[in-house]
């Protein structure tokens, strides 16, 4: 799939199609990790670790 990078204020924006977001479980306002590997931009969802009651205490 191809997508267009657009300008939004002083930033660039990439719109992620809903089918892709659902496939990797990304929701609105969630944080993602951006990295560059071998000249490629990688976008990975940040998985929040669930803590047990023992870990919290």
PDB file of N, CA and C in Angstrom:
ATOM      1  N   UNK A   1       0.846  -1.182   0.000  1.00  0.00           N
ATOM      2  CA  UNK A   1       0.000   0.000   0.000  1.00  0.00           C
ATOM      3  C   UNK A   1       0.881   1.232   0.000  1.00  0.00           C
ATOM      4  N   UNK A   2       0.479   2.225  -0.715  1.00  0.00           N
ATOM      5  CA  UNK A   2       1.182   3.499  -0.728  1.00  0.00           C
ATOM      6  C   UNK A   2       0.372   4.528   0.052  1.00  0.00           C
ATOM      7  N   UNK A   3       1.084   5.457   0.692  1.00  0.00           N
ATOM      8  CA  UNK A   3       0.430   6.515   1.458  1.00  0.00           C
ATOM      9  C   UNK A   3       1.185   7.815   1.215  1.00  0.00           C
ATOM     10  N   UNK A   4       0.507   8.918   1.420  1.00  0.00           N
ATOM     11  CA  UNK A   4       1.103  10.234   1.195  1.00  0.00           C
ATOM     12  C   UNK A   4       1.456  10.876   2.534  1.00  0.00           C
ATOM     13  N   UNK A   5       2.646  11.444   2.609  1.00  0.00           N
ATOM     14  CA  UNK A   5       3.063  12.219   3.771  1.00  0.00           C
ATOM     15  C   UNK A   5       2.536  13.641   3.577  1.00  0.00           C
ATOM     16  N   UNK A   6       1.859  14.178   4.592  1.00  0.00           N
ATOM     17  CA  UNK A   6       1.292  15.519   4.498  1.00  0.00           C
ATOM     18  C   UNK A   6       1.854  16.398   5.599  1.00  0.00           C
ATOM     19  N   UNK A   7       1.750  17.703   5.414  1.00  0.00           N
ATOM     20  CA  UNK A   7       2.222  18.661   6.403  1.00  0.00           C
ATOM     21  C   UNK A   7       1.069  19.006   7.338  1.00  0.00           C
ATOM     22  N   UNK A   8       1.380  19.077   8.635  1.00  0.00           N
ATOM     23  CA  UNK A   8       0.403  19.466   9.644  1.00  0.00           C
ATOM     24  C   UNK A   8       1.130  20.367  10.620  1.00  0.00           C
ATOM     25  N   UNK A   9       0.928  21.665  10.508  1.00  0.00           N
ATOM     26  CA  UNK A   9       1.687  22.626  11.301  1.00  0.00           C
ATOM     27  C   UNK A   9       3.149  22.550  10.891  1.00  0.00           C
ATOM     28  N   UNK A  10       4.047  22.362  11.865  1.00  0.00           N
ATOM     29  CA  UNK A  10       5.471  22.228  11.567  1.00  0.00           C
ATOM     30  C   UNK A  10       5.905  20.769  11.456  1.00  0.00           C
ATOM     31  N   UNK A  11       4.950  19.850  11.471  1.00  0.00           N
ATOM     32  CA  UNK A  11       5.266  18.424  11.447  1.00  0.00           C
ATOM     33  C   UNK A  11       4.795  17.791  10.153  1.00  0.00           C
ATOM     34  N   UNK A  12       5.261  16.575   9.926  1.00  0.00           N
ATOM     35  CA  UNK A  12       4.778  15.762   8.821  1.00  0.00           C
ATOM     36  C   UNK A  12       3.883  14.679   9.399  1.00  0.00           C
ATOM     37  N   UNK A  13       2.851  14.312   8.647  1.00  0.00           N
ATOM     38  CA  UNK A  13       1.855  13.369   9.129  1.00  0.00           C
ATOM     39  C   UNK A  13       1.720  12.216   8.149  1.00  0.00           C
ATOM     40  N   UNK A  14       1.623  11.014   8.695  1.00  0.00           N
ATOM     41  CA  UNK A  14       1.328   9.823   7.910  1.00  0.00           C
ATOM     42  C   UNK A  14       0.014   9.262   8.435  1.00  0.00           C
ATOM     43  N   UNK A  15      -0.976   9.184   7.586  1.00  0.00           N
ATOM     44  CA  UNK A  15      -2.261   8.615   8.000  1.00  0.00           C
ATOM     45  C   UNK A  15      -2.169   7.099   7.889  1.00  0.00           C
ATOM     46  N   UNK A  16      -2.560   6.424   8.950  1.00  0.00           N
ATOM     47  CA  UNK A  16      -2.531   4.969   8.970  1.00  0.00           C
ATOM     48  C   UNK A  16      -3.951   4.468   8.708  1.00  0.00           C
ATOM     49  N   UNK A  17      -4.147   3.697   7.639  1.00  0.00           N
ATOM     50  CA  UNK A  17      -5.486   3.181   7.361  1.00  0.00           C
ATOM     51  C   UNK A  17      -6.010   2.348   8.531  1.00  0.00           C
ATOM     52  N   UNK A  18      -7.315   2.409   8.750  1.00  0.00           N
ATOM     53  CA  UNK A  18      -7.927   1.732   9.896  1.00  0.00           C
ATOM     54  C   UNK A  18      -7.632   0.239   9.885  1.00  0.00           C
ATOM     55  N   UNK A  19      -7.643  -0.392   8.721  1.00  0.00           N
ATOM     56  CA  UNK A  19      -7.389  -1.833   8.674  1.00  0.00           C
ATOM     57  C   UNK A  19      -5.984  -2.162   9.181  1.00  0.00           C
ATOM     58  N   UNK A  20      -5.006  -1.311   8.886  1.00  0.00           N
ATOM     59  CA  UNK A  20      -3.641  -1.522   9.369  1.00  0.00           C
ATOM     60  C   UNK A  20      -3.577  -1.300  10.879  1.00  0.00           C
ATOM     61  N   UNK A  21      -4.215  -0.239  11.346  1.00  0.00           N
ATOM     62  CA  UNK A  21      -4.210   0.067  12.782  1.00  0.00           C
ATOM     63  C   UNK A  21      -4.856  -1.049  13.583  1.00  0.00           C
ATOM     64  N   UNK A  22      -5.967  -1.582  13.088  1.00  0.00           N
ATOM     65  CA  UNK A  22      -6.637  -2.680  13.777  1.00  0.00           C
ATOM     66  C   UNK A  22      -5.763  -3.927  13.797  1.00  0.00           C
ATOM     67  N   UNK A  23      -5.043  -4.156  12.704  1.00  0.00           N
ATOM     68  CA  UNK A  23      -4.188  -5.336  12.582  1.00  0.00           C
ATOM     69  C   UNK A  23      -3.071  -5.347  13.610  1.00  0.00           C
ATOM     70  N   UNK A  24      -2.537  -4.170  13.961  1.00  0.00           N
ATOM     71  CA  UNK A  24      -1.451  -4.088  14.945  1.00  0.00           C
ATOM     72  C   UNK A  24      -1.925  -3.510  16.278  1.00  0.00           C
ATOM     73  N   UNK A  25      -3.243  -3.372  16.430  1.00  0.00           N
ATOM     74  CA  UNK A  25      -3.861  -2.924  17.680  1.00  0.00           C
ATOM     75  C   UNK A  25      -3.397  -1.535  18.107  1.00  0.00           C
ATOM     76  N   UNK A  26      -3.383  -0.597  17.171  1.00  0.00           N
ATOM     77  CA  UNK A  26      -3.074   0.802  17.479  1.00  0.00           C
ATOM     78  C   UNK A  26      -4.393   1.568  17.514  1.00  0.00           C
ATOM     79  N   UNK A  27      -4.570   2.337  18.589  1.00  0.00           N
ATOM     80  CA  UNK A  27      -5.784   3.142  18.734  1.00  0.00           C
ATOM     81  C   UNK A  27      -5.424   4.619  18.805  1.00  0.00           C
ATOM     82  N   UNK A  28      -6.407   5.467  18.617  1.00  0.00           N
ATOM     83  CA  UNK A  28      -6.204   6.908  18.653  1.00  0.00           C
ATOM     84  C   UNK A  28      -5.572   7.323  19.975  1.00  0.00           C
ATOM     85  N   UNK A  29      -4.617   8.234  19.906  1.00  0.00           N
ATOM     86  CA  UNK A  29      -3.905   8.820  21.043  1.00  0.00           C
ATOM     87  C   UNK A  29      -2.958   7.864  21.763  1.00  0.00           C
ATOM     88  N   UNK A  30      -2.747   6.652  21.255  1.00  0.00           N
ATOM     89  CA  UNK A  30      -1.769   5.759  21.860  1.00  0.00           C
ATOM     90  C   UNK A  30      -0.377   6.115  21.355  1.00  0.00           C
ATOM     91  N   UNK A  31       0.616   5.821  22.181  1.00  0.00           N
ATOM     92  CA  UNK A  31       1.996   6.102  21.824  1.00  0.00           C
ATOM     93  C   UNK A  31       2.561   4.969  20.973  1.00  0.00           C
ATOM     94  N   UNK A  32       3.447   5.339  20.045  1.00  0.00           N
ATOM     95  CA  UNK A  32       4.172   4.361  19.238  1.00  0.00           C
ATOM     96  C   UNK A  32       5.653   4.675  19.336  1.00  0.00           C
ATOM     97  N   UNK A  33       6.465   3.696  19.011  1.00  0.00           N
ATOM     98  CA  UNK A  33       7.909   3.859  19.010  1.00  0.00           C
ATOM     99  C   UNK A  33       8.367   4.034  17.564  1.00  0.00           C
ATOM    100  N   UNK A  34       9.097   5.111  17.289  1.00  0.00           N
ATOM    101  CA  UNK A  34       9.645   5.356  15.951  1.00  0.00           C
ATOM    102  C   UNK A  34      11.129   5.058  15.986  1.00  0.00           C
ATOM    103  N   UNK A  35      11.607   4.344  14.981  1.00  0.00           N
ATOM    104  CA  UNK A  35      13.038   4.076  14.881  1.00  0.00           C
ATOM    105  C   UNK A  35      13.418   3.975  13.410  1.00  0.00           C
ATOM    106  N   UNK A  36      14.700   4.069  13.169  1.00  0.00           N
ATOM    107  CA  UNK A  36      15.225   3.941  11.811  1.00  0.00           C
ATOM    108  C   UNK A  36      16.182   2.765  11.806  1.00  0.00           C
ATOM    109  N   UNK A  37      15.923   1.815  10.915  1.00  0.00           N
ATOM    110  CA  UNK A  37      16.797   0.649  10.760  1.00  0.00           C
ATOM    111  C   UNK A  37      17.121   0.483   9.288  1.00  0.00           C
ATOM    112  N   UNK A  38      18.389   0.531   8.980  1.00  0.00           N
ATOM    113  CA  UNK A  38      18.887   0.370   7.614  1.00  0.00           C
ATOM    114  C   UNK A  38      18.160   1.301   6.640  1.00  0.00           C
ATOM    115  N   UNK A  39      17.958   2.544   7.070  1.00  0.00           N
ATOM    116  CA  UNK A  39      17.331   3.548   6.218  1.00  0.00           C
ATOM    117  C   UNK A  39      15.827   3.447   6.107  1.00  0.00           C
ATOM    118  N   UNK A  40      15.195   2.588   6.909  1.00  0.00           N
ATOM    119  CA  UNK A  40      13.740   2.429   6.892  1.00  0.00           C
ATOM    120  C   UNK A  40      13.142   2.946   8.189  1.00  0.00           C
ATOM    121  N   UNK A  41      12.016   3.631   8.072  1.00  0.00           N
ATOM    122  CA  UNK A  41      11.289   4.115   9.243  1.00  0.00           C
ATOM    123  C   UNK A  41      10.405   2.994   9.756  1.00  0.00           C
ATOM    124  N   UNK A  42      10.572   2.639  11.021  1.00  0.00           N
ATOM    125  CA  UNK A  42       9.753   1.605  11.648  1.00  0.00           C
ATOM    126  C   UNK A  42       8.846   2.244  12.688  1.00  0.00           C
ATOM    127  N   UNK A  43       7.592   1.867  12.671  1.00  0.00           N
ATOM    128  CA  UNK A  43       6.608   2.365  13.631  1.00  0.00           C
ATOM    129  C   UNK A  43       6.067   1.152  14.365  1.00  0.00           C
ATOM    130  N   UNK A  44       6.313   1.096  15.681  1.00  0.00           N
ATOM    131  CA  UNK A  44       5.879  -0.055  16.468  1.00  0.00           C
ATOM    132  C   UNK A  44       5.002   0.414  17.617  1.00  0.00           C
ATOM    133  N   UNK A  45       3.894  -0.300  17.856  1.00  0.00           N
ATOM    134  CA  UNK A  45       3.071   0.059  19.011  1.00  0.00           C
ATOM    135  C   UNK A  45       3.847  -0.195  20.293  1.00  0.00           C
ATOM    136  N   UNK A  46       3.633   0.657  21.281  1.00  0.00           N
ATOM    137  CA  UNK A  46       4.243   0.461  22.593  1.00  0.00           C
ATOM    138  C   UNK A  46       3.279  -0.384  23.412  1.00  0.00           C
ATOM    139  N   UNK A  47       3.742  -1.556  23.785  1.00  0.00           N
ATOM    140  CA  UNK A  47       2.902  -2.475  24.552  1.00  0.00           C
ATOM    141  C   UNK A  47       3.104  -2.178  26.024  1.00  0.00           C
ATOM    142  N   UNK A  48       2.020  -1.804  26.676  1.00  0.00           N
ATOM    143  CA  UNK A  48       2.087  -1.505  28.105  1.00  0.00           C
ATOM    144  C   UNK A  48       2.072  -2.811  28.874  1.00  0.00           C
ATOM    145  N   UNK A  49       3.027  -2.939  29.781  1.00  0.00           N
ATOM    146  CA  UNK A  49       3.114  -4.141  30.581  1.00  0.00           C
ATOM    147  C   UNK A  49       2.056  -4.102  31.679  1.00  0.00           C
ATOM    148  N   UNK A  50       1.350  -5.184  31.838  1.00  0.00           N
ATOM    149  CA  UNK A  50       0.401  -5.292  32.930  1.00  0.00           C
ATOM    150  C   UNK A  50       1.123  -5.743  34.178  1.00  0.00           C
ATOM    151  N   UNK A  51       0.902  -5.077  35.275  1.00  0.00           N
ATOM    152  CA  UNK A  51       1.566  -5.394  36.538  1.00  0.00           C
ATOM    153  C   UNK A  51       0.635  -6.213  37.430  1.00  0.00           C
ATOM    154  N   UNK A  52       1.216  -7.169  38.119  1.00  0.00           N
ATOM    155  CA  UNK A  52       0.440  -7.932  39.101  1.00  0.00           C
ATOM    156  C   UNK A  52       0.400  -7.131  40.396  1.00  0.00           C
ATOM    157  N   UNK A  53      -0.496  -7.514  41.266  1.00  0.00           N
ATOM    158  CA  UNK A  53      -0.607  -6.851  42.560  1.00  0.00           C
ATOM    159  C   UNK A  53       0.687  -7.002  43.349  1.00  0.00           C
ATOM    160  N   UNK A  54       1.341  -8.150  43.249  1.00  0.00           N
ATOM    161  CA  UNK A  54       2.605  -8.376  43.941  1.00  0.00           C
ATOM    162  C   UNK A  54       3.688  -7.417  43.451  1.00  0.00           C
ATOM    163  N   UNK A  55       3.747  -7.203  42.144  1.00  0.00           N
ATOM    164  CA  UNK A  55       4.747  -6.288  41.586  1.00  0.00           C
ATOM    165  C   UNK A  55       4.502  -4.846  42.032  1.00  0.00           C
ATOM    166  N   UNK A  56       3.248  -4.489  42.155  1.00  0.00           N
ATOM    167  CA  UNK A  56       2.911  -3.121  42.568  1.00  0.00           C
ATOM    168  C   UNK A  56       3.203  -2.886  44.045  1.00  0.00           C
ATOM    169  N   UNK A  57       3.146  -3.926  44.846  1.00  0.00           N
ATOM    170  CA  UNK A  57       3.405  -3.800  46.279  1.00  0.00           C
ATOM    171  C   UNK A  57       4.864  -4.072  46.541  1.00  0.00           C
TER     172      UNK A  57
END
